[in-house]
Amino acid sequence: MSRPSAGAPMSVLIDRQLGAALLMAPGVTRATLVLPDGTVLAGPVQAIDSSGDYFEIVTGSPATPEERYA
């Protein structure tokens, strides 16, 4: 994961199989990430790279309890 600056979309590197699945599933609008430290981030998917290497989500704050268990 990387974020160039606060407020910028977060880029999430993924493997090619997941990237291909995301590219073939039109209408993916939200993502929820669970980090190794237990932090959960959720937000709208802003972009999926055409190579399937990464996607970008917009996160403003940690996920709400509803998003954590959705």
C-alpha atoms as a PDB file:
ATOM      1  CA  MET A   1       0.000   0.000   0.000  1.00  0.00           C
ATOM      2  CA  SER A   2       1.127   3.523  -0.592  1.00  0.00           C
ATOM      3  CA  ARG A   3      -0.320   6.978  -0.290  1.00  0.00           C
ATOM      4  CA  PRO A   4       1.636   9.933  -1.747  1.00  0.00           C
ATOM      5  CA  SER A   5      -0.007  12.467   0.583  1.00  0.00           C
ATOM      6  CA  ALA A   6      -2.767  12.802   3.141  1.00  0.00           C
ATOM      7  CA  GLY A   7      -6.116  12.861   1.392  1.00  0.00           C
ATOM      8  CA  ALA A   8      -4.748  11.181  -1.746  1.00  0.00           C
ATOM      9  CA  PRO A   9      -6.142   7.823  -2.861  1.00  0.00           C
ATOM     10  CA  MET A  10      -4.393   4.796  -1.387  1.00  0.00           C
ATOM     11  CA  SER A  11      -2.790   2.443  -3.922  1.00  0.00           C
ATOM     12  CA  VAL A  12      -3.013  -1.238  -3.006  1.00  0.00           C
ATOM     13  CA  LEU A  13      -0.689  -3.677  -4.786  1.00  0.00           C
ATOM     14  CA  ILE A  14      -2.345  -6.994  -5.587  1.00  0.00           C
ATOM     15  CA  ASP A  15      -1.398 -10.217  -7.335  1.00  0.00           C
ATOM     16  CA  ARG A  16      -2.336 -10.722 -10.975  1.00  0.00           C
ATOM     17  CA  GLN A  17      -5.101 -13.249 -10.289  1.00  0.00           C
ATOM     18  CA  LEU A  18      -6.957 -10.855  -8.013  1.00  0.00           C
ATOM     19  CA  GLY A  19      -6.296  -8.002 -10.443  1.00  0.00           C
ATOM     20  CA  ALA A  20      -7.742 -10.012 -13.321  1.00  0.00           C
ATOM     21  CA  ALA A  21     -10.795 -10.850 -11.219  1.00  0.00           C
ATOM     22  CA  LEU A  22     -11.321  -7.167 -10.382  1.00  0.00           C
ATOM     23  CA  LEU A  23     -11.016  -6.174 -14.044  1.00  0.00           C
ATOM     24  CA  MET A  24     -13.570  -8.805 -15.065  1.00  0.00           C
ATOM     25  CA  ALA A  25     -16.053  -7.771 -12.351  1.00  0.00           C
ATOM     26  CA  PRO A  26     -17.585  -4.512 -13.541  1.00  0.00           C
ATOM     27  CA  GLY A  27     -19.198  -2.424 -10.899  1.00  0.00           C
ATOM     28  CA  VAL A  28     -16.728  -2.982  -8.053  1.00  0.00           C
ATOM     29  CA  THR A  29     -17.380   0.152  -6.030  1.00  0.00           C
ATOM     30  CA  ARG A  30     -16.001  -0.447  -2.502  1.00  0.00           C
ATOM     31  CA  ALA A  31     -13.087  -2.197  -0.848  1.00  0.00           C
ATOM     32  CA  THR A  32     -12.330  -3.124   2.728  1.00  0.00           C
ATOM     33  CA  LEU A  33      -8.736  -3.791   3.769  1.00  0.00           C
ATOM     34  CA  VAL A  34      -7.627  -5.490   6.966  1.00  0.00           C
ATOM     35  CA  LEU A  35      -4.009  -4.624   7.780  1.00  0.00           C
ATOM     36  CA  PRO A  36      -1.687  -6.965   9.692  1.00  0.00           C
ATOM     37  CA  ASP A  37      -1.982  -4.771  12.801  1.00  0.00           C
ATOM     38  CA  GLY A  38      -5.777  -5.186  12.772  1.00  0.00           C
ATOM     39  CA  THR A  39      -6.567  -1.754  11.327  1.00  0.00           C
ATOM     40  CA  VAL A  40      -9.517  -1.896   8.929  1.00  0.00           C
ATOM     41  CA  LEU A  41      -9.783   0.655   6.123  1.00  0.00           C
ATOM     42  CA  ALA A  42     -12.760   0.923   3.795  1.00  0.00           C
ATOM     43  CA  GLY A  43     -13.713   3.233   0.981  1.00  0.00           C
ATOM     44  CA  PRO A  44     -14.860   3.604  -2.586  1.00  0.00           C
ATOM     45  CA  VAL A  45     -12.705   2.109  -5.334  1.00  0.00           C
ATOM     46  CA  GLN A  46     -11.458   5.027  -7.396  1.00  0.00           C
ATOM     47  CA  ALA A  47      -9.543   3.104 -10.058  1.00  0.00           C
ATOM     48  CA  ILE A  48      -8.324  -0.355 -11.046  1.00  0.00           C
ATOM     49  CA  ASP A  49      -5.060  -0.329 -13.003  1.00  0.00           C
ATOM     50  CA  SER A  50      -5.482  -1.746 -16.504  1.00  0.00           C
ATOM     51  CA  SER A  51      -2.547  -4.127 -15.895  1.00  0.00           C
ATOM     52  CA  GLY A  52      -4.284  -5.540 -12.803  1.00  0.00           C
ATOM     53  CA  ASP A  53      -1.279  -4.760 -10.578  1.00  0.00           C
ATOM     54  CA  TYR A  54      -3.070  -2.432  -8.170  1.00  0.00           C
ATOM     55  CA  PHE A  55      -6.261  -0.599  -7.365  1.00  0.00           C
ATOM     56  CA  GLU A  56      -6.889   2.700  -5.638  1.00  0.00           C
ATOM     57  CA  ILE A  57      -9.335   3.391  -2.847  1.00  0.00           C
ATOM     58  CA  VAL A  58     -10.321   6.630  -1.180  1.00  0.00           C
ATOM     59  CA  THR A  59     -10.078   6.316   2.594  1.00  0.00           C
ATOM     60  CA  GLY A  60     -10.672   9.166   4.969  1.00  0.00           C
ATOM     61  CA  SER A  61     -10.664   7.314   8.257  1.00  0.00           C
ATOM     62  CA  PRO A  62     -10.742   3.796   9.657  1.00  0.00           C
ATOM     63  CA  ALA A  63     -13.812   1.765   8.770  1.00  0.00           C
ATOM     64  CA  THR A  64     -17.029   1.981  10.720  1.00  0.00           C
ATOM     65  CA  PRO A  65     -18.156  -1.115  12.644  1.00  0.00           C
ATOM     66  CA  GLU A  66     -20.679  -1.879   9.873  1.00  0.00           C
ATOM     67  CA  GLU A  67     -17.948  -1.829   7.206  1.00  0.00           C
ATOM     68  CA  ARG A  68     -15.649  -4.021   9.296  1.00  0.00           C
ATOM     69  CA  TYR A  69     -18.124  -6.874   9.270  1.00  0.00           C
ATOM     70  CA  ALA A  70     -19.794  -6.327   5.903  1.00  0.00           C
END
